[in-house]
Amino acid sequence: MAYDDQNIFAKILRGEIPCDKVLETDHSLAFNDIAPARPVHVLVIPKGAYVSSDDFTAKASDAEIADFWRAVGEVARMKGVAGSGYRLIANAGEDGHQEVPHFHMHVLGGAPAGPMLKRRDS
């Protein structure tokens, strides 16, 4: 999947589309999901043009990577789910059902998340 600079997250980063901002750092932006799957559902995105976690970890600077993961942790603390638990989800590629070609992490909490995936019969 190639990076598309017209994707919704790129437009949010450029200020073309508003977001309900939770946190902004030098290299990351976190905002509430417009269709939350749990009481807490925040998206954390790097400000750089990275398609997936693979792309991000291969090409981002150490500062960008550290900033991103610190932002994820800060969001969990700010939203009050660090103690009770939360789920992090990053979809990558077609098999991972990635819908937006910009690396992003979902921080979900505030209610039981259920099993991670439905088990396949062997």
PDB file of N, CA and C in Angstrom:
ATOM      1  N   MET A   1       0.859  -1.174   0.000  1.00  0.00           N
ATOM      2  CA  MET A   1       0.000   0.000   0.000  1.00  0.00           C
ATOM      3  C   MET A   1       0.909   1.241   0.000  1.00  0.00           C
ATOM      4  N   ALA A   2       0.716   2.082  -0.964  1.00  0.00           N
ATOM      5  CA  ALA A   2       1.504   3.313  -1.062  1.00  0.00           C
ATOM      6  C   ALA A   2       0.853   4.411  -0.223  1.00  0.00           C
ATOM      7  N   TYR A   3       1.666   5.338   0.226  1.00  0.00           N
ATOM      8  CA  TYR A   3       1.127   6.461   0.996  1.00  0.00           C
ATOM      9  C   TYR A   3       0.331   7.367   0.063  1.00  0.00           C
ATOM     10  N   ASP A   4      -0.871   7.706   0.482  1.00  0.00           N
ATOM     11  CA  ASP A   4      -1.754   8.599  -0.267  1.00  0.00           C
ATOM     12  C   ASP A   4      -1.888   9.885   0.529  1.00  0.00           C
ATOM     13  N   ASP A   5      -1.313  10.974   0.025  1.00  0.00           N
ATOM     14  CA  ASP A   5      -1.342  12.223   0.786  1.00  0.00           C
ATOM     15  C   ASP A   5      -2.718  12.884   0.803  1.00  0.00           C
ATOM     16  N   GLN A   6      -3.703  12.236   0.203  1.00  0.00           N
ATOM     17  CA  GLN A   6      -5.084  12.715   0.262  1.00  0.00           C
ATOM     18  C   GLN A   6      -5.919  11.906   1.260  1.00  0.00           C
ATOM     19  N   ASN A   7      -5.270  11.019   2.025  1.00  0.00           N
ATOM     20  CA  ASN A   7      -6.014  10.239   3.016  1.00  0.00           C
ATOM     21  C   ASN A   7      -6.523  11.162   4.125  1.00  0.00           C
ATOM     22  N   ILE A   8      -7.538  10.690   4.837  1.00  0.00           N
ATOM     23  CA  ILE A   8      -8.204  11.527   5.839  1.00  0.00           C
ATOM     24  C   ILE A   8      -7.258  12.009   6.939  1.00  0.00           C
ATOM     25  N   PHE A   9      -6.292  11.186   7.342  1.00  0.00           N
ATOM     26  CA  PHE A   9      -5.373  11.601   8.399  1.00  0.00           C
ATOM     27  C   PHE A   9      -4.406  12.667   7.904  1.00  0.00           C
ATOM     28  N   ALA A  10      -3.965  12.561   6.656  1.00  0.00           N
ATOM     29  CA  ALA A  10      -3.117  13.604   6.079  1.00  0.00           C
ATOM     30  C   ALA A  10      -3.878  14.926   6.025  1.00  0.00           C
ATOM     31  N   LYS A  11      -5.156  14.856   5.685  1.00  0.00           N
ATOM     32  CA  LYS A  11      -5.980  16.071   5.640  1.00  0.00           C
ATOM     33  C   LYS A  11      -6.181  16.658   7.036  1.00  0.00           C
ATOM     34  N   ILE A  12      -6.325  15.796   8.039  1.00  0.00           N
ATOM     35  CA  ILE A  12      -6.432  16.274   9.424  1.00  0.00           C
ATOM     36  C   ILE A  12      -5.133  16.963   9.826  1.00  0.00           C
ATOM     37  N   LEU A  13      -4.004  16.346   9.506  1.00  0.00           N
ATOM     38  CA  LEU A  13      -2.704  16.934   9.858  1.00  0.00           C
ATOM     39  C   LEU A  13      -2.488  18.287   9.187  1.00  0.00           C
ATOM     40  N   ARG A  14      -3.014  18.451   7.973  1.00  0.00           N
ATOM     41  CA  ARG A  14      -2.875  19.728   7.264  1.00  0.00           C
ATOM     42  C   ARG A  14      -3.926  20.750   7.702  1.00  0.00           C
ATOM     43  N   GLY A  15      -4.850  20.352   8.570  1.00  0.00           N
ATOM     44  CA  GLY A  15      -5.881  21.262   9.043  1.00  0.00           C
ATOM     45  C   GLY A  15      -7.052  21.419   8.094  1.00  0.00           C
ATOM     46  N   GLU A  16      -7.154  20.560   7.092  1.00  0.00           N
ATOM     47  CA  GLU A  16      -8.247  20.626   6.122  1.00  0.00           C
ATOM     48  C   GLU A  16      -9.534  20.020   6.671  1.00  0.00           C
ATOM     49  N   ILE A  17      -9.390  19.098   7.609  1.00  0.00           N
ATOM     50  CA  ILE A  17     -10.517  18.444   8.271  1.00  0.00           C
ATOM     51  C   ILE A  17     -10.294  18.600   9.772  1.00  0.00           C
ATOM     52  N   PRO A  18     -11.319  19.028  10.511  1.00  0.00           N
ATOM     53  CA  PRO A  18     -11.138  19.179  11.966  1.00  0.00           C
ATOM     54  C   PRO A  18     -11.109  17.823  12.662  1.00  0.00           C
ATOM     55  N   CYS A  19     -10.565  17.826  13.872  1.00  0.00           N
ATOM     56  CA  CYS A  19     -10.583  16.630  14.709  1.00  0.00           C
ATOM     57  C   CYS A  19     -10.825  17.060  16.147  1.00  0.00           C
ATOM     58  N   ASP A  20     -11.242  16.100  16.954  1.00  0.00           N
ATOM     59  CA  ASP A  20     -11.436  16.326  18.386  1.00  0.00           C
ATOM     60  C   ASP A  20     -10.125  15.940  19.070  1.00  0.00           C
ATOM     61  N   LYS A  21      -9.190  16.882  19.097  1.00  0.00           N
ATOM     62  CA  LYS A  21      -7.829  16.623  19.557  1.00  0.00           C
ATOM     63  C   LYS A  21      -7.776  16.275  21.034  1.00  0.00           C
ATOM     64  N   VAL A  22      -7.014  15.230  21.335  1.00  0.00           N
ATOM     65  CA  VAL A  22      -6.762  14.793  22.702  1.00  0.00           C
ATOM     66  C   VAL A  22      -5.360  15.224  23.122  1.00  0.00           C
ATOM     67  N   LEU A  23      -4.388  15.099  22.228  1.00  0.00           N
ATOM     68  CA  LEU A  23      -2.985  15.381  22.542  1.00  0.00           C
ATOM     69  C   LEU A  23      -2.238  15.686  21.253  1.00  0.00           C
ATOM     70  N   GLU A  24      -1.352  16.653  21.316  1.00  0.00           N
ATOM     71  CA  GLU A  24      -0.458  16.916  20.191  1.00  0.00           C
ATOM     72  C   GLU A  24       0.944  17.103  20.734  1.00  0.00           C
ATOM     73  N   THR A  25       1.901  16.447  20.083  1.00  0.00           N
ATOM     74  CA  THR A  25       3.313  16.542  20.454  1.00  0.00           C
ATOM     75  C   THR A  25       4.090  17.004  19.217  1.00  0.00           C
ATOM     76  N   ASP A  26       5.397  17.051  19.325  1.00  0.00           N
ATOM     77  CA  ASP A  26       6.214  17.447  18.179  1.00  0.00           C
ATOM     78  C   ASP A  26       6.010  16.537  16.971  1.00  0.00           C
ATOM     79  N   HIS A  27       5.831  15.233  17.226  1.00  0.00           N
ATOM     80  CA  HIS A  27       5.794  14.263  16.127  1.00  0.00           C
ATOM     81  C   HIS A  27       4.504  13.456  16.037  1.00  0.00           C
ATOM     82  N   SER A  28       3.547  13.681  16.920  1.00  0.00           N
ATOM     83  CA  SER A  28       2.335  12.847  16.953  1.00  0.00           C
ATOM     84  C   SER A  28       1.092  13.692  17.208  1.00  0.00           C
ATOM     85  N   LEU A  29      -0.046  13.139  16.790  1.00  0.00           N
ATOM     86  CA  LEU A  29      -1.335  13.748  17.040  1.00  0.00           C
ATOM     87  C   LEU A  29      -2.288  12.653  17.495  1.00  0.00           C
ATOM     88  N   ALA A  30      -3.053  12.926  18.543  1.00  0.00           N
ATOM     89  CA  ALA A  30      -4.051  11.982  19.043  1.00  0.00           C
ATOM     90  C   ALA A  30      -5.398  12.686  19.053  1.00  0.00           C
ATOM     91  N   PHE A  31      -6.429  11.968  18.600  1.00  0.00           N
ATOM     92  CA  PHE A  31      -7.770  12.545  18.553  1.00  0.00           C
ATOM     93  C   PHE A  31      -8.802  11.447  18.730  1.00  0.00           C
ATOM     94  N   ASN A  32      -9.976  11.851  19.210  1.00  0.00           N
ATOM     95  CA  ASN A  32     -11.062  10.896  19.420  1.00  0.00           C
ATOM     96  C   ASN A  32     -11.578  10.373  18.085  1.00  0.00           C
ATOM     97  N   ASP A  33     -11.853   9.062  18.042  1.00  0.00           N
ATOM     98  CA  ASP A  33     -12.415   8.435  16.854  1.00  0.00           C
ATOM     99  C   ASP A  33     -13.843   8.938  16.650  1.00  0.00           C
ATOM    100  N   ILE A  34     -14.235   9.164  15.398  1.00  0.00           N
ATOM    101  CA  ILE A  34     -15.583   9.676  15.129  1.00  0.00           C
ATOM    102  C   ILE A  34     -16.658   8.592  15.250  1.00  0.00           C
ATOM    103  N   ALA A  35     -16.246   7.332  15.260  1.00  0.00           N
ATOM    104  CA  ALA A  35     -17.182   6.220  15.438  1.00  0.00           C
ATOM    105  C   ALA A  35     -16.609   5.283  16.494  1.00  0.00           C
ATOM    106  N   PRO A  36     -16.630   5.699  17.763  1.00  0.00           N
ATOM    107  CA  PRO A  36     -15.944   4.921  18.802  1.00  0.00           C
ATOM    108  C   PRO A  36     -16.517   3.524  19.010  1.00  0.00           C
ATOM    109  N   ALA A  37     -15.601   2.570  19.182  1.00  0.00           N
ATOM    110  CA  ALA A  37     -15.973   1.177  19.443  1.00  0.00           C
ATOM    111  C   ALA A  37     -16.014   0.866  20.935  1.00  0.00           C
ATOM    112  N   ARG A  38     -15.498   1.756  21.763  1.00  0.00           N
ATOM    113  CA  ARG A  38     -15.500   1.642  23.216  1.00  0.00           C
ATOM    114  C   ARG A  38     -15.678   3.054  23.780  1.00  0.00           C
ATOM    115  N   PRO A  39     -15.994   3.180  25.079  1.00  0.00           N
ATOM    116  CA  PRO A  39     -16.134   4.521  25.657  1.00  0.00           C
ATOM    117  C   PRO A  39     -14.905   5.404  25.414  1.00  0.00           C
ATOM    118  N   VAL A  40     -13.729   4.811  25.448  1.00  0.00           N
ATOM    119  CA  VAL A  40     -12.497   5.512  25.072  1.00  0.00           C
ATOM    120  C   VAL A  40     -12.027   4.898  23.765  1.00  0.00           C
ATOM    121  N   HIS A  41     -11.928   5.718  22.738  1.00  0.00           N
ATOM    122  CA  HIS A  41     -11.415   5.259  21.436  1.00  0.00           C
ATOM    123  C   HIS A  41     -10.689   6.436  20.796  1.00  0.00           C
ATOM    124  N   VAL A  42      -9.381   6.429  20.984  1.00  0.00           N
ATOM    125  CA  VAL A  42      -8.529   7.513  20.503  1.00  0.00           C
ATOM    126  C   VAL A  42      -7.586   6.960  19.441  1.00  0.00           C
ATOM    127  N   LEU A  43      -7.387   7.726  18.381  1.00  0.00           N
ATOM    128  CA  LEU A  43      -6.410   7.385  17.349  1.00  0.00           C
ATOM    129  C   LEU A  43      -5.154   8.202  17.596  1.00  0.00           C
ATOM    130  N   VAL A  44      -4.014   7.548  17.548  1.00  0.00           N
ATOM    131  CA  VAL A  44      -2.731   8.227  17.669  1.00  0.00           C
ATOM    132  C   VAL A  44      -2.009   8.022  16.346  1.00  0.00           C
ATOM    133  N   ILE A  45      -1.586   9.130  15.716  1.00  0.00           N
ATOM    134  CA  ILE A  45      -0.914   9.047  14.423  1.00  0.00           C
ATOM    135  C   ILE A  45       0.399   9.818  14.468  1.00  0.00           C
ATOM    136  N   PRO A  46       1.404   9.331  13.739  1.00  0.00           N
ATOM    137  CA  PRO A  46       2.610  10.139  13.597  1.00  0.00           C
ATOM    138  C   PRO A  46       2.323  11.266  12.607  1.00  0.00           C
ATOM    139  N   LYS A  47       3.012  12.370  12.745  1.00  0.00           N
ATOM    140  CA  LYS A  47       2.827  13.482  11.819  1.00  0.00           C
ATOM    141  C   LYS A  47       3.510  13.237  10.476  1.00  0.00           C
ATOM    142  N   GLY A  48       4.448  12.300  10.438  1.00  0.00           N
ATOM    143  CA  GLY A  48       5.130  11.960   9.191  1.00  0.00           C
ATOM    144  C   GLY A  48       4.282  11.055   8.319  1.00  0.00           C
ATOM    145  N   ALA A  49       4.647  10.977   7.045  1.00  0.00           N
ATOM    146  CA  ALA A  49       3.901  10.198   6.047  1.00  0.00           C
ATOM    147  C   ALA A  49       4.352   8.737   6.048  1.00  0.00           C
ATOM    148  N   TYR A  50       3.814   7.968   6.987  1.00  0.00           N
ATOM    149  CA  TYR A  50       4.142   6.549   7.107  1.00  0.00           C
ATOM    150  C   TYR A  50       2.879   5.732   6.893  1.00  0.00           C
ATOM    151  N   VAL A  51       2.958   4.716   6.060  1.00  0.00           N
ATOM    152  CA  VAL A  51       1.796   3.912   5.702  1.00  0.00           C
ATOM    153  C   VAL A  51       1.401   2.940   6.809  1.00  0.00           C
ATOM    154  N   SER A  52       2.377   2.266   7.392  1.00  0.00           N
ATOM    155  CA  SER A  52       2.095   1.168   8.323  1.00  0.00           C
ATOM    156  C   SER A  52       3.136   1.143   9.430  1.00  0.00           C
ATOM    157  N   SER A  53       2.939   0.245  10.389  1.00  0.00           N
ATOM    158  CA  SER A  53       3.924   0.099  11.458  1.00  0.00           C
ATOM    159  C   SER A  53       5.270  -0.332  10.885  1.00  0.00           C
ATOM    160  N   ASP A  54       5.254  -1.176   9.858  1.00  0.00           N
ATOM    161  CA  ASP A  54       6.499  -1.596   9.222  1.00  0.00           C
ATOM    162  C   ASP A  54       7.220  -0.399   8.604  1.00  0.00           C
ATOM    163  N   ASP A  55       6.486   0.413   7.866  1.00  0.00           N
ATOM    164  CA  ASP A  55       7.043   1.615   7.244  1.00  0.00           C
ATOM    165  C   ASP A  55       7.572   2.571   8.309  1.00  0.00           C
ATOM    166  N   PHE A  56       6.789   2.767   9.354  1.00  0.00           N
ATOM    167  CA  PHE A  56       7.162   3.676  10.442  1.00  0.00           C
ATOM    168  C   PHE A  56       8.443   3.226  11.138  1.00  0.00           C
ATOM    169  N   THR A  57       8.514   1.963  11.530  1.00  0.00           N
ATOM    170  CA  THR A  57       9.693   1.492  12.262  1.00  0.00           C
ATOM    171  C   THR A  57      10.929   1.400  11.372  1.00  0.00           C
ATOM    172  N   ALA A  58      10.737   1.271  10.060  1.00  0.00           N
ATOM    173  CA  ALA A  58      11.872   1.204   9.138  1.00  0.00           C
ATOM    174  C   ALA A  58      12.414   2.589   8.778  1.00  0.00           C
ATOM    175  N   LYS A  59      11.530   3.599   8.741  1.00  0.00           N
ATOM    176  CA  LYS A  59      11.944   4.893   8.194  1.00  0.00           C
ATOM    177  C   LYS A  59      11.905   6.070   9.168  1.00  0.00           C
ATOM    178  N   ALA A  60      11.145   5.964  10.240  1.00  0.00           N
ATOM    179  CA  ALA A  60      11.029   7.092  11.177  1.00  0.00           C
ATOM    180  C   ALA A  60      12.303   7.251  11.990  1.00  0.00           C
ATOM    181  N   SER A  61      12.545   8.471  12.437  1.00  0.00           N
ATOM    182  CA  SER A  61      13.705   8.730  13.290  1.00  0.00           C
ATOM    183  C   SER A  61      13.444   8.171  14.696  1.00  0.00           C
ATOM    184  N   ASP A  62      14.511   8.009  15.447  1.00  0.00           N
ATOM    185  CA  ASP A  62      14.369   7.557  16.831  1.00  0.00           C
ATOM    186  C   ASP A  62      13.484   8.515  17.616  1.00  0.00           C
ATOM    187  N   ALA A  63      13.622   9.804  17.350  1.00  0.00           N
ATOM    188  CA  ALA A  63      12.803  10.800  18.055  1.00  0.00           C
ATOM    189  C   ALA A  63      11.326  10.624  17.733  1.00  0.00           C
ATOM    190  N   GLU A  64      10.993  10.365  16.471  1.00  0.00           N
ATOM    191  CA  GLU A  64       9.596  10.157  16.090  1.00  0.00           C
ATOM    192  C   GLU A  64       9.021   8.903  16.748  1.00  0.00           C
ATOM    193  N   ILE A  65       9.798   7.839  16.752  1.00  0.00           N
ATOM    194  CA  ILE A  65       9.329   6.579  17.334  1.00  0.00           C
ATOM    195  C   ILE A  65       9.111   6.730  18.838  1.00  0.00           C
ATOM    196  N   ALA A  66      10.071   7.320  19.539  1.00  0.00           N
ATOM    197  CA  ALA A  66       9.930   7.523  20.985  1.00  0.00           C
ATOM    198  C   ALA A  66       8.739   8.423  21.280  1.00  0.00           C
ATOM    199  N   ASP A  67       8.592   9.503  20.535  1.00  0.00           N
ATOM    200  CA  ASP A  67       7.497  10.441  20.734  1.00  0.00           C
ATOM    201  C   ASP A  67       6.143   9.748  20.543  1.00  0.00           C
ATOM    202  N   PHE A  68       6.041   8.936  19.502  1.00  0.00           N
ATOM    203  CA  PHE A  68       4.783   8.238  19.219  1.00  0.00           C
ATOM    204  C   PHE A  68       4.392   7.325  20.381  1.00  0.00           C
ATOM    205  N   TRP A  69       5.299   6.482  20.828  1.00  0.00           N
ATOM    206  CA  TRP A  69       4.963   5.538  21.898  1.00  0.00           C
ATOM    207  C   TRP A  69       4.714   6.247  23.227  1.00  0.00           C
ATOM    208  N   ARG A  70       5.404   7.332  23.461  1.00  0.00           N
ATOM    209  CA  ARG A  70       5.107   8.122  24.670  1.00  0.00           C
ATOM    210  C   ARG A  70       3.716   8.747  24.562  1.00  0.00           C
ATOM    211  N   ALA A  71       3.332   9.179  23.366  1.00  0.00           N
ATOM    212  CA  ALA A  71       1.995   9.744  23.163  1.00  0.00           C
ATOM    213  C   ALA A  71       0.925   8.686  23.404  1.00  0.00           C
ATOM    214  N   VAL A  72       1.147   7.456  22.946  1.00  0.00           N
ATOM    215  CA  VAL A  72       0.187   6.380  23.184  1.00  0.00           C
ATOM    216  C   VAL A  72      -0.009   6.177  24.686  1.00  0.00           C
ATOM    217  N   GLY A  73       1.076   6.101  25.434  1.00  0.00           N
ATOM    218  CA  GLY A  73       0.986   5.929  26.887  1.00  0.00           C
ATOM    219  C   GLY A  73       0.313   7.105  27.563  1.00  0.00           C
ATOM    220  N   GLU A  74       0.638   8.318  27.128  1.00  0.00           N
ATOM    221  CA  GLU A  74       0.038   9.514  27.711  1.00  0.00           C
ATOM    222  C   GLU A  74      -1.469   9.551  27.472  1.00  0.00           C
ATOM    223  N   VAL A  75      -1.908   9.137  26.299  1.00  0.00           N
ATOM    224  CA  VAL A  75      -3.341   9.095  26.002  1.00  0.00           C
ATOM    225  C   VAL A  75      -4.047   8.136  26.961  1.00  0.00           C
ATOM    226  N   ALA A  76      -3.474   6.959  27.183  1.00  0.00           N
ATOM    227  CA  ALA A  76      -4.088   5.994  28.109  1.00  0.00           C
ATOM    228  C   ALA A  76      -4.205   6.586  29.509  1.00  0.00           C
ATOM    229  N   ARG A  77      -3.167   7.285  29.947  1.00  0.00           N
ATOM    230  CA  ARG A  77      -3.220   7.919  31.271  1.00  0.00           C
ATOM    231  C   ARG A  77      -4.225   9.070  31.295  1.00  0.00           C
ATOM    232  N   MET A  78      -4.211   9.916  30.283  1.00  0.00           N
ATOM    233  CA  MET A  78      -5.125  11.066  30.228  1.00  0.00           C
ATOM    234  C   MET A  78      -6.588  10.625  30.226  1.00  0.00           C
ATOM    235  N   LYS A  79      -6.864   9.534  29.530  1.00  0.00           N
ATOM    236  CA  LYS A  79      -8.239   9.056  29.398  1.00  0.00           C
ATOM    237  C   LYS A  79      -8.667   8.148  30.551  1.00  0.00           C
ATOM    238  N   GLY A  80      -7.755   7.897  31.497  1.00  0.00           N
ATOM    239  CA  GLY A  80      -8.096   7.143  32.692  1.00  0.00           C
ATOM    240  C   GLY A  80      -8.223   5.648  32.520  1.00  0.00           C
ATOM    241  N   VAL A  81      -7.613   5.100  31.477  1.00  0.00           N
ATOM    242  CA  VAL A  81      -7.726   3.653  31.250  1.00  0.00           C
ATOM    243  C   VAL A  81      -6.432   2.893  31.540  1.00  0.00           C
ATOM    244  N   ALA A  82      -5.385   3.607  31.907  1.00  0.00           N
ATOM    245  CA  ALA A  82      -4.103   2.940  32.154  1.00  0.00           C
ATOM    246  C   ALA A  82      -4.205   1.915  33.284  1.00  0.00           C
ATOM    247  N   GLY A  83      -4.996   2.217  34.308  1.00  0.00           N
ATOM    248  CA  GLY A  83      -5.124   1.300  35.435  1.00  0.00           C
ATOM    249  C   GLY A  83      -6.069   0.147  35.175  1.00  0.00           C
ATOM    250  N   SER A  84      -7.182   0.402  34.521  1.00  0.00           N
ATOM    251  CA  SER A  84      -8.197  -0.631  34.300  1.00  0.00           C
ATOM    252  C   SER A  84      -7.896  -1.509  33.096  1.00  0.00           C
ATOM    253  N   GLY A  85      -7.078  -1.016  32.193  1.00  0.00           N
ATOM    254  CA  GLY A  85      -6.701  -1.790  31.007  1.00  0.00           C
ATOM    255  C   GLY A  85      -7.268  -1.196  29.736  1.00  0.00           C
ATOM    256  N   TYR A  86      -6.585  -1.481  28.657  1.00  0.00           N
ATOM    257  CA  TYR A  86      -6.982  -0.966  27.354  1.00  0.00           C
ATOM    258  C   TYR A  86      -6.378  -1.856  26.283  1.00  0.00           C
ATOM    259  N   ARG A  87      -6.846  -1.684  25.071  1.00  0.00           N
ATOM    260  CA  ARG A  87      -6.329  -2.457  23.942  1.00  0.00           C
ATOM    261  C   ARG A  87      -5.729  -1.493  22.937  1.00  0.00           C
ATOM    262  N   LEU A  88      -4.591  -1.886  22.370  1.00  0.00           N
ATOM    263  CA  LEU A  88      -3.960  -1.154  21.280  1.00  0.00           C
ATOM    264  C   LEU A  88      -4.136  -1.969  20.008  1.00  0.00           C
ATOM    265  N   ILE A  89      -4.585  -1.319  18.954  1.00  0.00           N
ATOM    266  CA  ILE A  89      -4.762  -2.001  17.677  1.00  0.00           C
ATOM    267  C   ILE A  89      -4.146  -1.154  16.578  1.00  0.00           C
ATOM    268  N   ALA A  90      -3.321  -1.785  15.761  1.00  0.00           N
ATOM    269  CA  ALA A  90      -2.789  -1.161  14.553  1.00  0.00           C
ATOM    270  C   ALA A  90      -2.992  -2.158  13.415  1.00  0.00           C
ATOM    271  N   ASN A  91      -3.810  -1.803  12.458  1.00  0.00           N
ATOM    272  CA  ASN A  91      -4.050  -2.660  11.297  1.00  0.00           C
ATOM    273  C   ASN A  91      -3.022  -2.317  10.217  1.00  0.00           C
ATOM    274  N   ALA A  92      -2.535  -3.335   9.517  1.00  0.00           N
ATOM    275  CA  ALA A  92      -1.541  -3.100   8.467  1.00  0.00           C
ATOM    276  C   ALA A  92      -1.883  -3.923   7.232  1.00  0.00           C
ATOM    277  N   GLY A  93      -2.002  -3.241   6.123  1.00  0.00           N
ATOM    278  CA  GLY A  93      -2.221  -3.911   4.847  1.00  0.00           C
ATOM    279  C   GLY A  93      -3.596  -4.509   4.679  1.00  0.00           C
ATOM    280  N   GLU A  94      -3.778  -5.125   3.539  1.00  0.00           N
ATOM    281  CA  GLU A  94      -5.078  -5.699   3.176  1.00  0.00           C
ATOM    282  C   GLU A  94      -5.501  -6.811   4.140  1.00  0.00           C
ATOM    283  N   ASP A  95      -4.615  -7.750   4.446  1.00  0.00           N
ATOM    284  CA  ASP A  95      -4.967  -8.835   5.360  1.00  0.00           C
ATOM    285  C   ASP A  95      -5.250  -8.336   6.769  1.00  0.00           C
ATOM    286  N   GLY A  96      -4.645  -7.218   7.155  1.00  0.00           N
ATOM    287  CA  GLY A  96      -4.886  -6.623   8.466  1.00  0.00           C
ATOM    288  C   GLY A  96      -6.078  -5.687   8.484  1.00  0.00           C
ATOM    289  N   HIS A  97      -6.746  -5.542   7.353  1.00  0.00           N
ATOM    290  CA  HIS A  97      -7.932  -4.698   7.200  1.00  0.00           C
ATOM    291  C   HIS A  97      -7.638  -3.224   7.491  1.00  0.00           C
ATOM    292  N   GLN A  98      -6.483  -2.759   6.988  1.00  0.00           N
ATOM    293  CA  GLN A  98      -6.143  -1.346   7.146  1.00  0.00           C
ATOM    294  C   GLN A  98      -6.990  -0.531   6.176  1.00  0.00           C
ATOM    295  N   GLU A  99      -7.712   0.449   6.708  1.00  0.00           N
ATOM    296  CA  GLU A  99      -8.605   1.248   5.878  1.00  0.00           C
ATOM    297  C   GLU A  99      -7.995   2.580   5.460  1.00  0.00           C
ATOM    298  N   VAL A 100      -7.129   3.153   6.277  1.00  0.00           N
ATOM    299  CA  VAL A 100      -6.500   4.433   5.964  1.00  0.00           C
ATOM    300  C   VAL A 100      -4.997   4.191   5.799  1.00  0.00           C
ATOM    301  N   PRO A 101      -4.419   4.580   4.659  1.00  0.00           N
ATOM    302  CA  PRO A 101      -2.995   4.314   4.436  1.00  0.00           C
ATOM    303  C   PRO A 101      -2.075   5.317   5.144  1.00  0.00           C
ATOM    304  N   HIS A 102      -2.302   5.475   6.431  1.00  0.00           N
ATOM    305  CA  HIS A 102      -1.439   6.283   7.302  1.00  0.00           C
ATOM    306  C   HIS A 102      -1.360   5.521   8.617  1.00  0.00           C
ATOM    307  N   PHE A 103      -0.144   5.189   9.060  1.00  0.00           N
ATOM    308  CA  PHE A 103       0.016   4.423  10.294  1.00  0.00           C
ATOM    309  C   PHE A 103      -0.743   5.092  11.426  1.00  0.00           C
ATOM    310  N   HIS A 104      -1.495   4.291  12.156  1.00  0.00           N
ATOM    311  CA  HIS A 104      -2.231   4.804  13.307  1.00  0.00           C
ATOM    312  C   HIS A 104      -2.469   3.694  14.311  1.00  0.00           C
ATOM    313  N   MET A 105      -2.558   4.106  15.554  1.00  0.00           N
ATOM    314  CA  MET A 105      -2.810   3.181  16.656  1.00  0.00           C
ATOM    315  C   MET A 105      -4.141   3.561  17.282  1.00  0.00           C
ATOM    316  N   HIS A 106      -5.006   2.562  17.461  1.00  0.00           N
ATOM    317  CA  HIS A 106      -6.259   2.754  18.186  1.00  0.00           C
ATOM    318  C   HIS A 106      -5.985   2.462  19.660  1.00  0.00           C
ATOM    319  N   VAL A 107      -6.379   3.351  20.545  1.00  0.00           N
ATOM    320  CA  VAL A 107      -6.333   3.136  21.987  1.00  0.00           C
ATOM    321  C   VAL A 107      -7.782   2.999  22.425  1.00  0.00           C
ATOM    322  N   LEU A 108      -8.162   1.776  22.846  1.00  0.00           N
ATOM    323  CA  LEU A 108      -9.549   1.475  23.200  1.00  0.00           C
ATOM    324  C   LEU A 108      -9.638   1.042  24.653  1.00  0.00           C
ATOM    325  N   GLY A 109     -10.595   1.603  25.385  1.00  0.00           N
ATOM    326  CA  GLY A 109     -10.760   1.228  26.782  1.00  0.00           C
ATOM    327  C   GLY A 109     -12.067   1.739  27.339  1.00  0.00           C
ATOM    328  N   GLY A 110     -12.201   1.585  28.641  1.00  0.00           N
ATOM    329  CA  GLY A 110     -13.402   2.044  29.323  1.00  0.00           C
ATOM    330  C   GLY A 110     -14.488   1.001  29.425  1.00  0.00           C
ATOM    331  N   ALA A 111     -14.289  -0.162  28.828  1.00  0.00           N
ATOM    332  CA  ALA A 111     -15.219  -1.290  28.878  1.00  0.00           C
ATOM    333  C   ALA A 111     -14.445  -2.535  28.455  1.00  0.00           C
ATOM    334  N   PRO A 112     -14.907  -3.711  28.880  1.00  0.00           N
ATOM    335  CA  PRO A 112     -14.208  -4.933  28.475  1.00  0.00           C
ATOM    336  C   PRO A 112     -14.102  -5.041  26.947  1.00  0.00           C
ATOM    337  N   ALA A 113     -12.941  -5.412  26.487  1.00  0.00           N
ATOM    338  CA  ALA A 113     -12.687  -5.490  25.048  1.00  0.00           C
ATOM    339  C   ALA A 113     -13.072  -6.835  24.442  1.00  0.00           C
ATOM    340  N   GLY A 114     -13.256  -7.862  25.273  1.00  0.00           N
ATOM    341  CA  GLY A 114     -13.565  -9.184  24.736  1.00  0.00           C
ATOM    342  C   GLY A 114     -12.319  -9.867  24.209  1.00  0.00           C
ATOM    343  N   PRO A 115     -12.504 -11.056  23.621  1.00  0.00           N
ATOM    344  CA  PRO A 115     -11.340 -11.783  23.107  1.00  0.00           C
ATOM    345  C   PRO A 115     -10.679 -11.022  21.963  1.00  0.00           C
ATOM    346  N   MET A 116      -9.383 -11.235  21.815  1.00  0.00           N
ATOM    347  CA  MET A 116      -8.630 -10.502  20.799  1.00  0.00           C
ATOM    348  C   MET A 116      -9.133 -10.824  19.393  1.00  0.00           C
ATOM    349  N   LEU A 117      -9.204 -12.090  19.060  1.00  0.00           N
ATOM    350  CA  LEU A 117      -9.700 -12.533  17.771  1.00  0.00           C
ATOM    351  C   LEU A 117     -10.537 -13.790  17.955  1.00  0.00           C
ATOM    352  N   LYS A 118     -11.448 -14.011  17.058  1.00  0.00           N
ATOM    353  CA  LYS A 118     -12.184 -15.256  17.087  1.00  0.00           C
ATOM    354  C   LYS A 118     -11.211 -16.365  16.672  1.00  0.00           C
ATOM    355  N   ARG A 119     -11.156 -17.420  17.466  1.00  0.00           N
ATOM    356  CA  ARG A 119     -10.240 -18.519  17.196  1.00  0.00           C
ATOM    357  C   ARG A 119     -10.679 -19.301  15.971  1.00  0.00           C
ATOM    358  N   ARG A 120      -9.700 -19.698  15.173  1.00  0.00           N
ATOM    359  CA  ARG A 120      -9.976 -20.541  14.012  1.00  0.00           C
ATOM    360  C   ARG A 120      -9.868 -21.994  14.426  1.00  0.00           C
ATOM    361  N   ASP A 121     -10.722 -22.827  13.886  1.00  0.00           N
ATOM    362  CA  ASP A 121     -10.582 -24.268  14.101  1.00  0.00           C
ATOM    363  C   ASP A 121      -9.440 -24.763  13.244  1.00  0.00           C
ATOM    364  N   SER A 122      -8.579 -25.619  13.827  1.00  0.00           N
ATOM    365  CA  SER A 122      -7.420 -26.116  13.071  1.00  0.00           C
ATOM    366  C   SER A 122      -7.810 -27.195  12.113  1.00  0.00           C
TER     367      SER A 122
END
